[in-house]
Amino acid sequence: MANAEPGILAIWNDAAPGRDADFNLWFQSEHLEERLGVPGFLYGRRHQAISGACGYFNFYVVESPAVLTSPAYLERLNNPTPMTKMIMSDVFKNMNRTFCHRTLRRGAMRGAYAVTVRFNDAPDQARLAALLDELLTDIKFPSGEIWMAVDPAGQPVAEEERLRGGDKKIKGALMVDTIWQADAEALGARLQKQFPEGEVGVFRVLCQLGHGEAFAT
C-alpha cells in the first residue's frame, strides 16, 4: 500500500423501517462498485448487525485520508445517481460517518464477523493496542484495527450528506474480526463491560470488494 497510515471511511447507519430491501439492492447493485471506482479507494466491506445500536456498518480503505476530499470523490458525492438520491433522502437513518486514519492493524487475515467499538471521545490507543496484542494470540481473532478520526475542520458538506440531513461523527474506533459468530458475540459482551463509554456492535460480513493487496492490508 502506498501509505503506511491509510485512510478509513467508517460508516454506521440504520435503514428506514420496511426499506432494508431497497438499501441492500442499492448497495449490492450500484454503490459498492461505484465507490471502488473512485481513484484511491482500495477496499470496501459491508456488514449487518447481530447486536448493537445500529443495523449496518461498512468501511472503506483508501490510500490516504486525502482521497476522501479529492476532486474525484467530491464529484461523485455532489452528483448522486437517481437511486442514490432516493436512498440518501428516504432510506438512510442515524448516519454516523467519519474520515479516519488507520493508526494500527494487527494480523493479515479478515474474518466472517466483526466487533466494533465507537468512541465519541478520543480513546487511549495504547490500551487498545494492548488489547489487540492479547486477542491476536488466539486464532479465533485473525485481525484488528484502530481508527482515529481526522480533524473535520475544512471537510466539505457534499450533496449526499445534505440529502441525509447531516451526519454524526466519532473520535475513534476499534474493529476486531472473528472467525466464528459465538466468539464475536462473546467479545462484544466483554468489550461492552470493558469500554462502557463506547458503543459496541457485533456484525456479520455481507460482502466485500477490493483491489489486489487491499484485501490483506
N, C-alpha and C. Protein backbone atom coordinates (compact mmCIF):
# COMPACT_ATOMS: atom_id res chain seq x y z
N MET A 1 0.83 -1.19 0.00
CA MET A 1 0.00 0.00 0.00
C MET A 1 0.87 1.24 0.00
N ALA A 2 0.36 2.31 -0.64
CA ALA A 2 1.21 3.47 -0.89
C ALA A 2 1.51 4.25 0.38
N ASN A 3 0.63 4.17 1.37
CA ASN A 3 0.79 4.98 2.57
C ASN A 3 0.83 4.07 3.78
N ALA A 4 1.79 4.31 4.70
CA ALA A 4 1.91 3.47 5.88
C ALA A 4 0.73 3.65 6.82
N GLU A 5 0.03 4.75 6.71
CA GLU A 5 -1.12 5.03 7.55
C GLU A 5 -2.30 5.35 6.63
N PRO A 6 -2.97 4.32 6.08
CA PRO A 6 -4.04 4.58 5.12
C PRO A 6 -5.24 5.24 5.76
N GLY A 7 -6.14 5.70 4.93
CA GLY A 7 -7.38 6.28 5.41
C GLY A 7 -8.47 5.24 5.52
N ILE A 8 -9.44 5.53 6.38
CA ILE A 8 -10.63 4.71 6.55
C ILE A 8 -11.85 5.62 6.49
N LEU A 9 -12.82 5.25 5.70
CA LEU A 9 -14.13 5.88 5.77
C LEU A 9 -15.03 4.91 6.54
N ALA A 10 -15.40 5.29 7.75
CA ALA A 10 -16.15 4.42 8.66
C ALA A 10 -17.59 4.88 8.75
N ILE A 11 -18.53 3.96 8.53
CA ILE A 11 -19.95 4.32 8.44
C ILE A 11 -20.79 3.32 9.22
N TRP A 12 -21.63 3.84 10.10
CA TRP A 12 -22.67 3.04 10.77
C TRP A 12 -24.00 3.71 10.47
N ASN A 13 -25.03 2.92 10.22
CA ASN A 13 -26.33 3.52 9.90
C ASN A 13 -27.45 2.51 10.09
N ASP A 14 -28.67 3.03 10.08
CA ASP A 14 -29.88 2.22 10.03
C ASP A 14 -30.57 2.46 8.69
N ALA A 15 -31.50 1.58 8.38
CA ALA A 15 -32.41 1.79 7.25
C ALA A 15 -33.79 2.10 7.79
N ALA A 16 -34.53 2.92 7.07
CA ALA A 16 -35.89 3.24 7.48
C ALA A 16 -36.72 1.96 7.58
N PRO A 17 -37.67 1.89 8.49
CA PRO A 17 -38.49 0.69 8.64
C PRO A 17 -39.11 0.25 7.31
N GLY A 18 -38.95 -1.02 7.00
CA GLY A 18 -39.50 -1.57 5.78
C GLY A 18 -38.70 -1.29 4.52
N ARG A 19 -37.52 -0.66 4.66
CA ARG A 19 -36.75 -0.27 3.47
C ARG A 19 -35.42 -1.01 3.34
N ASP A 20 -35.23 -2.07 4.10
CA ASP A 20 -33.96 -2.80 4.02
C ASP A 20 -33.72 -3.37 2.62
N ALA A 21 -34.76 -3.85 1.97
CA ALA A 21 -34.60 -4.41 0.63
C ALA A 21 -34.09 -3.36 -0.34
N ASP A 22 -34.62 -2.15 -0.27
CA ASP A 22 -34.14 -1.06 -1.13
C ASP A 22 -32.68 -0.74 -0.84
N PHE A 23 -32.35 -0.67 0.45
CA PHE A 23 -30.98 -0.36 0.84
C PHE A 23 -30.01 -1.42 0.32
N ASN A 24 -30.36 -2.68 0.48
CA ASN A 24 -29.48 -3.76 0.04
C ASN A 24 -29.35 -3.82 -1.47
N LEU A 25 -30.45 -3.60 -2.19
CA LEU A 25 -30.39 -3.58 -3.65
C LEU A 25 -29.46 -2.49 -4.14
N TRP A 26 -29.60 -1.30 -3.57
CA TRP A 26 -28.74 -0.18 -3.97
C TRP A 26 -27.27 -0.48 -3.69
N PHE A 27 -26.99 -0.99 -2.50
CA PHE A 27 -25.60 -1.23 -2.13
C PHE A 27 -24.99 -2.31 -3.02
N GLN A 28 -25.75 -3.41 -3.23
CA GLN A 28 -25.20 -4.54 -3.98
C GLN A 28 -25.11 -4.27 -5.48
N SER A 29 -26.08 -3.55 -6.03
CA SER A 29 -26.13 -3.40 -7.48
C SER A 29 -25.43 -2.15 -7.99
N GLU A 30 -25.17 -1.17 -7.09
CA GLU A 30 -24.63 0.10 -7.57
C GLU A 30 -23.51 0.66 -6.70
N HIS A 31 -23.78 0.78 -5.42
CA HIS A 31 -22.96 1.67 -4.60
C HIS A 31 -21.54 1.17 -4.37
N LEU A 32 -21.39 -0.10 -4.00
CA LEU A 32 -20.06 -0.59 -3.65
C LEU A 32 -19.12 -0.52 -4.85
N GLU A 33 -19.58 -0.96 -6.00
CA GLU A 33 -18.72 -0.89 -7.20
C GLU A 33 -18.42 0.55 -7.58
N GLU A 34 -19.41 1.43 -7.44
CA GLU A 34 -19.20 2.83 -7.77
C GLU A 34 -18.09 3.44 -6.90
N ARG A 35 -18.15 3.16 -5.60
CA ARG A 35 -17.13 3.74 -4.72
C ARG A 35 -15.74 3.17 -5.02
N LEU A 36 -15.66 1.89 -5.31
CA LEU A 36 -14.35 1.30 -5.62
C LEU A 36 -13.82 1.75 -6.97
N GLY A 37 -14.66 2.43 -7.74
CA GLY A 37 -14.20 3.03 -8.99
C GLY A 37 -13.55 4.39 -8.82
N VAL A 38 -13.64 4.98 -7.62
CA VAL A 38 -13.01 6.27 -7.35
C VAL A 38 -11.52 6.05 -7.12
N PRO A 39 -10.64 6.79 -7.80
CA PRO A 39 -9.20 6.62 -7.58
C PRO A 39 -8.82 6.77 -6.12
N GLY A 40 -8.02 5.83 -5.63
CA GLY A 40 -7.59 5.85 -4.24
C GLY A 40 -8.39 4.97 -3.32
N PHE A 41 -9.60 4.53 -3.74
CA PHE A 41 -10.37 3.58 -2.94
C PHE A 41 -9.83 2.19 -3.21
N LEU A 42 -9.47 1.47 -2.15
CA LEU A 42 -8.79 0.19 -2.28
C LEU A 42 -9.65 -1.01 -1.90
N TYR A 43 -10.53 -0.83 -0.93
CA TYR A 43 -11.26 -1.98 -0.39
C TYR A 43 -12.50 -1.49 0.33
N GLY A 44 -13.59 -2.22 0.18
CA GLY A 44 -14.80 -1.91 0.92
C GLY A 44 -15.46 -3.17 1.43
N ARG A 45 -16.04 -3.10 2.62
CA ARG A 45 -16.72 -4.26 3.20
C ARG A 45 -17.95 -3.79 3.93
N ARG A 46 -19.06 -4.50 3.74
CA ARG A 46 -20.31 -4.13 4.41
C ARG A 46 -20.79 -5.25 5.31
N HIS A 47 -21.55 -4.86 6.35
CA HIS A 47 -21.95 -5.76 7.41
C HIS A 47 -23.38 -5.46 7.84
N GLN A 48 -24.02 -6.48 8.42
CA GLN A 48 -25.33 -6.32 9.04
C GLN A 48 -25.22 -6.70 10.51
N ALA A 49 -25.95 -5.99 11.36
CA ALA A 49 -25.81 -6.17 12.80
C ALA A 49 -26.42 -7.48 13.28
N ILE A 50 -25.73 -8.12 14.20
CA ILE A 50 -26.27 -9.20 15.02
C ILE A 50 -26.79 -8.61 16.32
N SER A 51 -26.06 -7.63 16.85
CA SER A 51 -26.49 -6.90 18.04
C SER A 51 -25.82 -5.54 18.04
N GLY A 52 -26.41 -4.62 18.79
CA GLY A 52 -25.83 -3.28 18.88
C GLY A 52 -26.84 -2.21 18.56
N ALA A 53 -26.35 -0.98 18.50
CA ALA A 53 -27.24 0.18 18.40
C ALA A 53 -27.59 0.56 16.97
N CYS A 54 -27.00 -0.09 15.97
CA CYS A 54 -27.32 0.28 14.59
C CYS A 54 -27.42 -0.99 13.75
N GLY A 55 -28.09 -0.86 12.60
CA GLY A 55 -28.38 -2.01 11.78
C GLY A 55 -27.28 -2.42 10.82
N TYR A 56 -26.47 -1.45 10.39
CA TYR A 56 -25.47 -1.72 9.36
C TYR A 56 -24.16 -1.00 9.68
N PHE A 57 -23.08 -1.57 9.18
CA PHE A 57 -21.74 -1.00 9.32
C PHE A 57 -20.98 -1.30 8.03
N ASN A 58 -20.35 -0.29 7.48
CA ASN A 58 -19.44 -0.56 6.36
C ASN A 58 -18.24 0.38 6.45
N PHE A 59 -17.16 -0.07 5.86
CA PHE A 59 -15.96 0.77 5.85
C PHE A 59 -15.23 0.60 4.53
N TYR A 60 -14.45 1.63 4.20
CA TYR A 60 -13.60 1.62 3.02
C TYR A 60 -12.17 1.93 3.45
N VAL A 61 -11.23 1.21 2.86
CA VAL A 61 -9.81 1.54 3.00
C VAL A 61 -9.41 2.36 1.78
N VAL A 62 -8.79 3.51 2.04
CA VAL A 62 -8.33 4.37 0.96
C VAL A 62 -6.83 4.63 1.13
N GLU A 63 -6.18 5.04 0.06
CA GLU A 63 -4.72 5.21 0.10
C GLU A 63 -4.28 6.16 1.20
N SER A 64 -5.04 7.22 1.42
CA SER A 64 -4.78 8.17 2.50
C SER A 64 -6.07 8.92 2.75
N PRO A 65 -6.22 9.57 3.91
CA PRO A 65 -7.43 10.34 4.15
C PRO A 65 -7.68 11.43 3.10
N ALA A 66 -6.62 11.90 2.43
CA ALA A 66 -6.79 12.93 1.41
C ALA A 66 -7.69 12.48 0.27
N VAL A 67 -7.77 11.17 0.04
CA VAL A 67 -8.65 10.65 -1.02
C VAL A 67 -10.10 11.07 -0.75
N LEU A 68 -10.46 11.22 0.52
CA LEU A 68 -11.84 11.48 0.90
C LEU A 68 -12.24 12.94 0.71
N THR A 69 -11.29 13.78 0.37
CA THR A 69 -11.60 15.16 -0.03
C THR A 69 -11.07 15.44 -1.44
N SER A 70 -10.79 14.40 -2.19
CA SER A 70 -10.25 14.56 -3.54
C SER A 70 -11.34 15.03 -4.51
N PRO A 71 -10.95 15.72 -5.59
CA PRO A 71 -11.95 16.15 -6.58
C PRO A 71 -12.78 15.00 -7.14
N ALA A 72 -12.15 13.84 -7.37
CA ALA A 72 -12.89 12.71 -7.95
C ALA A 72 -13.98 12.21 -7.00
N TYR A 73 -13.66 12.14 -5.72
CA TYR A 73 -14.66 11.66 -4.76
C TYR A 73 -15.74 12.71 -4.53
N LEU A 74 -15.35 13.97 -4.41
CA LEU A 74 -16.35 15.03 -4.22
C LEU A 74 -17.27 15.15 -5.43
N GLU A 75 -16.74 14.91 -6.61
CA GLU A 75 -17.60 14.94 -7.80
C GLU A 75 -18.68 13.87 -7.70
N ARG A 76 -18.31 12.70 -7.20
CA ARG A 76 -19.28 11.62 -7.04
C ARG A 76 -20.31 11.98 -5.97
N LEU A 77 -19.85 12.53 -4.84
CA LEU A 77 -20.76 12.88 -3.75
C LEU A 77 -21.73 13.98 -4.15
N ASN A 78 -21.28 14.91 -4.97
CA ASN A 78 -22.11 16.05 -5.34
C ASN A 78 -22.98 15.80 -6.56
N ASN A 79 -22.85 14.61 -7.17
CA ASN A 79 -23.66 14.26 -8.33
C ASN A 79 -24.21 12.84 -8.15
N PRO A 80 -25.03 12.64 -7.13
CA PRO A 80 -25.53 11.29 -6.86
C PRO A 80 -26.46 10.80 -7.96
N THR A 81 -26.45 9.49 -8.16
CA THR A 81 -27.35 8.88 -9.13
C THR A 81 -28.78 9.00 -8.63
N PRO A 82 -29.78 8.80 -9.50
CA PRO A 82 -31.17 8.83 -9.03
C PRO A 82 -31.45 7.85 -7.89
N MET A 83 -30.87 6.65 -7.98
CA MET A 83 -31.08 5.67 -6.92
C MET A 83 -30.43 6.13 -5.62
N THR A 84 -29.24 6.72 -5.72
CA THR A 84 -28.56 7.23 -4.53
C THR A 84 -29.35 8.36 -3.89
N LYS A 85 -29.91 9.26 -4.70
CA LYS A 85 -30.73 10.34 -4.15
C LYS A 85 -31.89 9.79 -3.33
N MET A 86 -32.54 8.76 -3.86
CA MET A 86 -33.67 8.16 -3.15
C MET A 86 -33.22 7.54 -1.84
N ILE A 87 -32.10 6.80 -1.87
CA ILE A 87 -31.60 6.14 -0.66
C ILE A 87 -31.19 7.18 0.38
N MET A 88 -30.46 8.19 -0.04
CA MET A 88 -29.99 9.21 0.91
C MET A 88 -31.14 9.98 1.52
N SER A 89 -32.18 10.27 0.74
CA SER A 89 -33.30 11.07 1.23
C SER A 89 -34.29 10.28 2.07
N ASP A 90 -34.55 9.01 1.67
CA ASP A 90 -35.67 8.28 2.24
C ASP A 90 -35.29 7.07 3.09
N VAL A 91 -34.08 6.52 2.89
CA VAL A 91 -33.76 5.22 3.49
C VAL A 91 -32.72 5.33 4.60
N PHE A 92 -31.63 6.09 4.38
CA PHE A 92 -30.59 6.21 5.40
C PHE A 92 -31.14 6.89 6.65
N LYS A 93 -30.88 6.28 7.80
CA LYS A 93 -31.26 6.86 9.09
C LYS A 93 -30.08 6.72 10.06
N ASN A 94 -29.98 7.69 10.98
CA ASN A 94 -28.98 7.64 12.06
C ASN A 94 -27.56 7.46 11.50
N MET A 95 -27.23 8.27 10.52
CA MET A 95 -25.95 8.13 9.82
C MET A 95 -24.80 8.62 10.70
N ASN A 96 -23.80 7.78 10.85
CA ASN A 96 -22.57 8.11 11.57
C ASN A 96 -21.43 7.84 10.61
N ARG A 97 -20.76 8.88 10.15
CA ARG A 97 -19.78 8.76 9.05
C ARG A 97 -18.57 9.63 9.37
N THR A 98 -17.38 9.00 9.39
CA THR A 98 -16.18 9.70 9.84
C THR A 98 -14.99 9.33 8.98
N PHE A 99 -14.19 10.36 8.60
CA PHE A 99 -12.90 10.13 7.96
C PHE A 99 -11.88 9.80 9.05
N CYS A 100 -11.12 8.75 8.85
CA CYS A 100 -10.17 8.31 9.88
C CYS A 100 -8.80 7.99 9.28
N HIS A 101 -7.80 8.04 10.15
CA HIS A 101 -6.52 7.38 9.92
C HIS A 101 -6.61 5.98 10.51
N ARG A 102 -6.08 4.98 9.81
CA ARG A 102 -5.90 3.68 10.44
C ARG A 102 -4.53 3.70 11.09
N THR A 103 -4.51 3.84 12.42
CA THR A 103 -3.25 4.04 13.12
C THR A 103 -2.57 2.73 13.50
N LEU A 104 -3.32 1.62 13.49
CA LEU A 104 -2.72 0.33 13.82
C LEU A 104 -3.55 -0.78 13.20
N ARG A 105 -2.86 -1.76 12.64
CA ARG A 105 -3.51 -3.00 12.21
C ARG A 105 -2.67 -4.17 12.68
N ARG A 106 -3.31 -5.14 13.31
CA ARG A 106 -2.67 -6.37 13.73
C ARG A 106 -3.31 -7.54 12.97
N GLY A 107 -2.49 -8.43 12.43
CA GLY A 107 -3.00 -9.58 11.71
C GLY A 107 -3.17 -9.29 10.23
N ALA A 108 -3.16 -10.36 9.44
CA ALA A 108 -3.27 -10.23 7.99
C ALA A 108 -4.61 -10.69 7.45
N MET A 109 -5.20 -11.71 8.07
CA MET A 109 -6.46 -12.26 7.57
C MET A 109 -7.65 -11.44 8.04
N ARG A 110 -8.74 -11.56 7.28
CA ARG A 110 -10.00 -10.97 7.70
C ARG A 110 -10.97 -12.09 8.04
N GLY A 111 -11.97 -11.78 8.86
CA GLY A 111 -12.89 -12.80 9.34
C GLY A 111 -14.27 -12.67 8.75
N ALA A 112 -15.17 -13.52 9.21
CA ALA A 112 -16.56 -13.53 8.76
C ALA A 112 -17.47 -12.66 9.63
N TYR A 113 -16.95 -12.24 10.79
CA TYR A 113 -17.70 -11.40 11.74
C TYR A 113 -16.79 -10.28 12.22
N ALA A 114 -17.41 -9.21 12.67
CA ALA A 114 -16.63 -8.07 13.18
C ALA A 114 -17.31 -7.49 14.40
N VAL A 115 -16.50 -7.06 15.34
CA VAL A 115 -16.97 -6.35 16.53
C VAL A 115 -16.38 -4.95 16.48
N THR A 116 -17.20 -3.94 16.62
CA THR A 116 -16.71 -2.56 16.62
C THR A 116 -17.06 -1.88 17.94
N VAL A 117 -16.17 -0.99 18.35
CA VAL A 117 -16.44 -0.09 19.47
C VAL A 117 -16.24 1.32 18.97
N ARG A 118 -17.29 2.12 19.00
CA ARG A 118 -17.23 3.52 18.59
C ARG A 118 -17.03 4.40 19.83
N PHE A 119 -16.14 5.39 19.69
CA PHE A 119 -15.85 6.29 20.80
C PHE A 119 -16.17 7.72 20.40
N ASN A 120 -16.95 8.40 21.24
CA ASN A 120 -17.25 9.81 21.00
C ASN A 120 -16.19 10.74 21.56
N ASP A 121 -15.32 10.21 22.42
CA ASP A 121 -14.13 10.92 22.89
C ASP A 121 -12.92 10.11 22.47
N ALA A 122 -11.78 10.78 22.26
CA ALA A 122 -10.60 10.08 21.76
C ALA A 122 -10.20 8.96 22.72
N PRO A 123 -10.10 7.71 22.25
CA PRO A 123 -9.74 6.61 23.13
C PRO A 123 -8.24 6.56 23.40
N ASP A 124 -7.86 5.78 24.39
CA ASP A 124 -6.46 5.54 24.73
C ASP A 124 -5.93 4.48 23.75
N GLN A 125 -5.11 4.91 22.80
CA GLN A 125 -4.65 3.99 21.77
C GLN A 125 -3.72 2.91 22.33
N ALA A 126 -2.95 3.24 23.33
CA ALA A 126 -2.07 2.24 23.93
C ALA A 126 -2.89 1.12 24.56
N ARG A 127 -3.97 1.49 25.20
CA ARG A 127 -4.85 0.48 25.80
C ARG A 127 -5.47 -0.41 24.72
N LEU A 128 -5.91 0.19 23.62
CA LEU A 128 -6.50 -0.58 22.53
C LEU A 128 -5.46 -1.49 21.88
N ALA A 129 -4.24 -0.99 21.71
CA ALA A 129 -3.18 -1.80 21.11
C ALA A 129 -2.84 -3.00 21.98
N ALA A 130 -2.80 -2.79 23.30
CA ALA A 130 -2.52 -3.90 24.21
C ALA A 130 -3.62 -4.95 24.14
N LEU A 131 -4.85 -4.51 24.00
CA LEU A 131 -5.97 -5.43 23.86
C LEU A 131 -5.83 -6.27 22.58
N LEU A 132 -5.49 -5.62 21.46
CA LEU A 132 -5.31 -6.36 20.21
C LEU A 132 -4.17 -7.37 20.33
N ASP A 133 -3.08 -6.96 20.97
CA ASP A 133 -1.96 -7.89 21.15
C ASP A 133 -2.40 -9.12 21.94
N GLU A 134 -3.24 -8.91 22.94
CA GLU A 134 -3.74 -10.04 23.73
C GLU A 134 -4.66 -10.93 22.89
N LEU A 135 -5.63 -10.32 22.21
CA LEU A 135 -6.62 -11.10 21.47
C LEU A 135 -5.99 -11.91 20.35
N LEU A 136 -5.02 -11.34 19.66
CA LEU A 136 -4.48 -12.00 18.48
C LEU A 136 -3.49 -13.12 18.80
N THR A 137 -3.35 -13.44 20.06
CA THR A 137 -2.63 -14.68 20.40
C THR A 137 -3.51 -15.89 20.18
N ASP A 138 -4.81 -15.66 19.92
CA ASP A 138 -5.78 -16.74 19.73
C ASP A 138 -6.25 -16.71 18.27
N ILE A 139 -6.27 -17.88 17.61
CA ILE A 139 -6.65 -17.91 16.18
C ILE A 139 -8.11 -17.53 15.97
N LYS A 140 -8.91 -17.44 17.01
CA LYS A 140 -10.30 -17.01 16.86
C LYS A 140 -10.39 -15.57 16.38
N PHE A 141 -9.30 -14.81 16.59
CA PHE A 141 -9.28 -13.38 16.25
C PHE A 141 -8.17 -13.14 15.21
N PRO A 142 -8.50 -13.17 13.91
CA PRO A 142 -7.46 -13.08 12.89
C PRO A 142 -6.87 -11.69 12.70
N SER A 143 -7.61 -10.64 13.06
CA SER A 143 -7.06 -9.29 12.85
C SER A 143 -7.86 -8.27 13.64
N GLY A 144 -7.25 -7.10 13.79
CA GLY A 144 -7.92 -5.99 14.46
C GLY A 144 -7.28 -4.67 14.04
N GLU A 145 -8.03 -3.59 14.19
CA GLU A 145 -7.57 -2.28 13.74
C GLU A 145 -8.00 -1.20 14.72
N ILE A 146 -7.22 -0.12 14.76
CA ILE A 146 -7.58 1.09 15.48
C ILE A 146 -7.71 2.22 14.47
N TRP A 147 -8.81 2.94 14.57
CA TRP A 147 -9.06 4.09 13.69
C TRP A 147 -9.21 5.34 14.53
N MET A 148 -8.56 6.41 14.12
CA MET A 148 -8.67 7.70 14.80
C MET A 148 -9.15 8.75 13.82
N ALA A 149 -10.12 9.54 14.25
CA ALA A 149 -10.75 10.50 13.35
C ALA A 149 -9.78 11.56 12.88
N VAL A 150 -9.95 11.94 11.62
CA VAL A 150 -9.27 13.10 11.06
C VAL A 150 -10.02 14.35 11.53
N ASP A 151 -9.30 15.40 11.84
CA ASP A 151 -9.92 16.66 12.23
C ASP A 151 -10.93 17.08 11.16
N PRO A 152 -12.22 17.22 11.52
CA PRO A 152 -13.22 17.53 10.50
C PRO A 152 -13.19 18.97 9.98
N ALA A 153 -12.36 19.82 10.58
CA ALA A 153 -12.31 21.22 10.15
C ALA A 153 -11.95 21.29 8.65
N GLY A 154 -12.74 22.01 7.92
CA GLY A 154 -12.48 22.18 6.50
C GLY A 154 -13.03 21.10 5.60
N GLN A 155 -13.60 20.04 6.18
CA GLN A 155 -14.20 18.99 5.34
C GLN A 155 -15.51 19.50 4.76
N PRO A 156 -15.67 19.43 3.44
CA PRO A 156 -16.88 19.97 2.83
C PRO A 156 -18.10 19.13 3.13
N VAL A 157 -19.27 19.79 3.18
CA VAL A 157 -20.54 19.08 3.29
C VAL A 157 -21.07 18.91 1.87
N ALA A 158 -21.04 17.67 1.38
CA ALA A 158 -21.41 17.40 0.00
C ALA A 158 -22.91 17.15 -0.12
N GLU A 159 -23.37 17.06 -1.37
CA GLU A 159 -24.80 16.91 -1.63
C GLU A 159 -25.38 15.66 -0.98
N GLU A 160 -24.65 14.55 -0.98
CA GLU A 160 -25.19 13.33 -0.36
C GLU A 160 -25.48 13.55 1.12
N GLU A 161 -24.57 14.23 1.82
CA GLU A 161 -24.81 14.49 3.25
C GLU A 161 -25.98 15.43 3.44
N ARG A 162 -26.12 16.43 2.58
CA ARG A 162 -27.27 17.34 2.69
C ARG A 162 -28.58 16.56 2.53
N LEU A 163 -28.60 15.62 1.61
CA LEU A 163 -29.80 14.81 1.41
C LEU A 163 -30.13 13.98 2.65
N ARG A 164 -29.09 13.55 3.37
CA ARG A 164 -29.30 12.76 4.59
C ARG A 164 -29.68 13.63 5.78
N GLY A 165 -29.46 14.92 5.68
CA GLY A 165 -29.77 15.80 6.80
C GLY A 165 -28.65 15.96 7.80
N GLY A 166 -27.42 15.59 7.40
CA GLY A 166 -26.26 15.73 8.28
C GLY A 166 -25.87 14.41 8.92
N ASP A 167 -24.57 14.28 9.24
CA ASP A 167 -24.02 13.04 9.77
C ASP A 167 -23.42 13.26 11.15
N LYS A 168 -23.54 12.26 12.02
CA LYS A 168 -22.80 12.23 13.27
C LYS A 168 -21.37 11.74 13.00
N LYS A 169 -20.47 12.02 13.93
CA LYS A 169 -19.08 11.60 13.77
C LYS A 169 -18.55 11.03 15.09
N ILE A 170 -17.50 10.22 14.96
CA ILE A 170 -16.83 9.65 16.13
C ILE A 170 -15.45 10.26 16.26
N LYS A 171 -14.80 9.98 17.38
CA LYS A 171 -13.40 10.39 17.57
C LYS A 171 -12.44 9.23 17.33
N GLY A 172 -12.93 8.00 17.46
CA GLY A 172 -12.08 6.85 17.23
C GLY A 172 -12.90 5.58 17.27
N ALA A 173 -12.28 4.47 16.83
CA ALA A 173 -12.98 3.18 16.83
C ALA A 173 -11.97 2.05 16.89
N LEU A 174 -12.45 0.95 17.43
CA LEU A 174 -11.74 -0.32 17.42
C LEU A 174 -12.57 -1.30 16.60
N MET A 175 -11.93 -2.07 15.72
CA MET A 175 -12.61 -3.14 15.00
C MET A 175 -11.80 -4.41 15.15
N VAL A 176 -12.46 -5.50 15.54
CA VAL A 176 -11.82 -6.80 15.68
C VAL A 176 -12.59 -7.81 14.83
N ASP A 177 -11.89 -8.53 13.97
CA ASP A 177 -12.50 -9.59 13.17
C ASP A 177 -12.47 -10.90 13.94
N THR A 178 -13.52 -11.69 13.76
CA THR A 178 -13.54 -13.04 14.32
C THR A 178 -13.92 -14.03 13.22
N ILE A 179 -13.59 -15.30 13.46
CA ILE A 179 -13.93 -16.35 12.51
C ILE A 179 -15.34 -16.87 12.76
N TRP A 180 -15.73 -16.99 14.03
CA TRP A 180 -16.99 -17.60 14.40
C TRP A 180 -17.89 -16.61 15.12
N GLN A 181 -19.19 -16.77 14.90
CA GLN A 181 -20.17 -15.86 15.48
C GLN A 181 -20.15 -15.88 17.00
N ALA A 182 -20.06 -17.06 17.59
CA ALA A 182 -20.08 -17.15 19.06
C ALA A 182 -18.96 -16.34 19.68
N ASP A 183 -17.80 -16.34 19.03
CA ASP A 183 -16.67 -15.56 19.57
C ASP A 183 -16.90 -14.07 19.40
N ALA A 184 -17.54 -13.68 18.31
CA ALA A 184 -17.88 -12.28 18.12
C ALA A 184 -18.84 -11.80 19.19
N GLU A 185 -19.84 -12.62 19.49
CA GLU A 185 -20.82 -12.23 20.49
C GLU A 185 -20.20 -12.18 21.89
N ALA A 186 -19.33 -13.14 22.18
CA ALA A 186 -18.66 -13.13 23.48
C ALA A 186 -17.74 -11.93 23.62
N LEU A 187 -17.03 -11.60 22.54
CA LEU A 187 -16.15 -10.44 22.58
C LEU A 187 -16.96 -9.15 22.72
N GLY A 188 -18.09 -9.08 22.02
CA GLY A 188 -18.94 -7.90 22.15
C GLY A 188 -19.38 -7.68 23.59
N ALA A 189 -19.77 -8.75 24.26
CA ALA A 189 -20.19 -8.64 25.66
C ALA A 189 -19.03 -8.20 26.56
N ARG A 190 -17.86 -8.74 26.28
CA ARG A 190 -16.68 -8.35 27.07
C ARG A 190 -16.36 -6.87 26.86
N LEU A 191 -16.37 -6.43 25.61
CA LEU A 191 -15.97 -5.05 25.32
C LEU A 191 -17.00 -4.05 25.83
N GLN A 192 -18.26 -4.46 25.90
CA GLN A 192 -19.28 -3.58 26.46
C GLN A 192 -18.99 -3.28 27.93
N LYS A 193 -18.48 -4.27 28.64
CA LYS A 193 -18.10 -4.07 30.05
C LYS A 193 -16.78 -3.31 30.16
N GLN A 194 -15.85 -3.62 29.25
CA GLN A 194 -14.51 -3.03 29.32
C GLN A 194 -14.51 -1.57 28.90
N PHE A 195 -15.40 -1.21 27.97
CA PHE A 195 -15.46 0.16 27.45
C PHE A 195 -16.90 0.67 27.54
N PRO A 196 -17.39 0.93 28.75
CA PRO A 196 -18.78 1.38 28.90
C PRO A 196 -19.03 2.73 28.23
N GLU A 197 -17.96 3.47 27.99
CA GLU A 197 -18.09 4.76 27.32
C GLU A 197 -18.28 4.63 25.81
N GLY A 198 -18.08 3.43 25.26
CA GLY A 198 -18.17 3.22 23.82
C GLY A 198 -19.49 2.58 23.42
N GLU A 199 -19.75 2.59 22.12
CA GLU A 199 -20.92 1.89 21.56
C GLU A 199 -20.41 0.65 20.84
N VAL A 200 -20.86 -0.50 21.31
CA VAL A 200 -20.37 -1.77 20.79
C VAL A 200 -21.40 -2.35 19.82
N GLY A 201 -20.91 -2.86 18.70
CA GLY A 201 -21.76 -3.56 17.74
C GLY A 201 -21.11 -4.85 17.31
N VAL A 202 -21.94 -5.87 17.09
CA VAL A 202 -21.48 -7.17 16.59
C VAL A 202 -22.14 -7.38 15.24
N PHE A 203 -21.33 -7.70 14.22
CA PHE A 203 -21.81 -7.71 12.84
C PHE A 203 -21.36 -8.96 12.10
N ARG A 204 -22.20 -9.40 11.15
CA ARG A 204 -21.80 -10.42 10.18
C ARG A 204 -21.39 -9.72 8.89
N VAL A 205 -20.38 -10.24 8.23
CA VAL A 205 -19.95 -9.69 6.95
C VAL A 205 -20.95 -10.10 5.87
N LEU A 206 -21.38 -9.12 5.07
CA LEU A 206 -22.28 -9.39 3.96
C LEU A 206 -21.54 -9.56 2.64
N CYS A 207 -20.61 -8.65 2.35
CA CYS A 207 -19.86 -8.74 1.11
C CYS A 207 -18.65 -7.81 1.20
N GLN A 208 -17.73 -7.99 0.26
CA GLN A 208 -16.53 -7.15 0.21
C GLN A 208 -16.05 -7.05 -1.23
N LEU A 209 -15.34 -5.98 -1.50
CA LEU A 209 -14.79 -5.75 -2.83
C LEU A 209 -13.50 -4.97 -2.66
N GLY A 210 -12.46 -5.35 -3.39
CA GLY A 210 -11.20 -4.66 -3.24
C GLY A 210 -10.29 -4.86 -4.42
N HIS A 211 -9.19 -4.14 -4.40
CA HIS A 211 -8.16 -4.19 -5.43
C HIS A 211 -6.92 -4.85 -4.86
N GLY A 212 -6.56 -6.01 -5.35
CA GLY A 212 -5.28 -6.63 -5.06
C GLY A 212 -4.97 -6.76 -3.60
N GLU A 213 -3.84 -6.21 -3.18
CA GLU A 213 -3.35 -6.39 -1.82
C GLU A 213 -4.22 -5.72 -0.78
N ALA A 214 -5.16 -4.88 -1.21
CA ALA A 214 -6.02 -4.23 -0.23
C ALA A 214 -6.83 -5.24 0.57
N PHE A 215 -7.09 -6.44 0.03
CA PHE A 215 -7.84 -7.43 0.79
C PHE A 215 -7.05 -7.84 2.03
N ALA A 216 -5.74 -7.91 1.92
CA ALA A 216 -4.93 -8.37 3.04
C ALA A 216 -4.55 -7.23 3.98
N THR A 217 -4.37 -6.03 3.47
CA THR A 217 -3.85 -4.95 4.29
C THR A 217 -4.93 -4.01 4.77
